Amino acid sequence: MAKAINNKLSGLHIDLKNFFILCKPRVTALIVFTAVIGMFLATPGMVPVDILLASIIGISFVSGAAAAFNCLIEQKIDAVMARTKGRPTVTGKISSSQTSIFASLLGGFGLLILFYFVNPLTMWLTLATFFAYAVIYTIFLKPATPMNIVIGGASGAMPPILGWAAVNNVVGPEALILFLIIFSWTPPHFWALALYRRKDYENVGMPMLPVTHGESFTLLHILLYTIIMIVVTFMPVGSGMSGLIYFLSALILNAIFLYYVVKLYKNYSDKLSMKTFKYSIVYLSLIFSALLLDHYFKISLQF
């Protein structure tokens, strides 16, 4: 009896772990993190704890559901690519019907939490973000154009707007600046990975920029979009949203990012491409952390 119970518990643990993997926890964590920063930047004081917790849970659930639907839709592609061939939907550890039910329930619960415990605006914006990523980007944009990540990056840039709306029930201009930071960051971030994984994308016929236009063209666009990103990241300073702490942080973080990108442009290597990709994740986390730190310890910056 005890052995049977242990076996069932072990099986349940494995199933839960596989469902958790479907939610792309690292991506979801970054989404929730930027949404939370948006919440704190939306108020001069403390975010109400009930709104904070409900927003974290609701956005996490919907984000996880979108990731699970992405895994479901791209099963055949994931099976060919080295980075994704171990996903539970590919290995058969979780069936397509299980994934559909799980993602539907998770997303539905998340939207209900946002509607009843946060506000309807946040729920509708989150639903629109879900649809933009799981349907428009995954089904239509990704296989259709090499600029898929530029257009589709809008859905990934939405979390700070969701956080802002959760607190203020409106979308202010400051939230749009936060949106633009992530939107402009997405192409150099993703193309660095796409260069490293170009063979995978070529094998599945996915029209990523390195596949359709080559290495040199992609490197040039990484450099150009990085310059755009750097300009955008100083908008909080120019608008009076942030002060000296953020300005100095952005200056250092942007200098490091540009160093990686210029070095990559001059002398490409897969190793450096992955270093650039990994730094870009750290960069975004630190840029938003600097915004939060500056928000509560603001030092006026006069030009």
Foldseek 3Di string as FASTA:
>chain_A
DVVVVVVVVVLVVVLVVLLVVLLVVVLLVLLLLLLQLLQLLLDLDDFPPQLNVLLSQLLSLLSSLLSLLLCLVCLVLLCQFPVRVPRCCNVVVADSVRSVVSSVVSNVVSLVSCPPRFHNVLSVLSVVLSCLRNPVLRPPQFQPDQCSQLVSQLSVLCSSQSSSCRRVVDRDPVSVLSSVLSSLLRLLLVLLVCVLRVVSCVVVNTNHCCVPPNDLVSLVVSLVSLVVNLVSLCVCLVVVSFADQLVVQSVVLSVVLNVLSVVCNVPNDSVSSVVSNVSSSVSSSSSSVSSSVRSNVPDHHDD
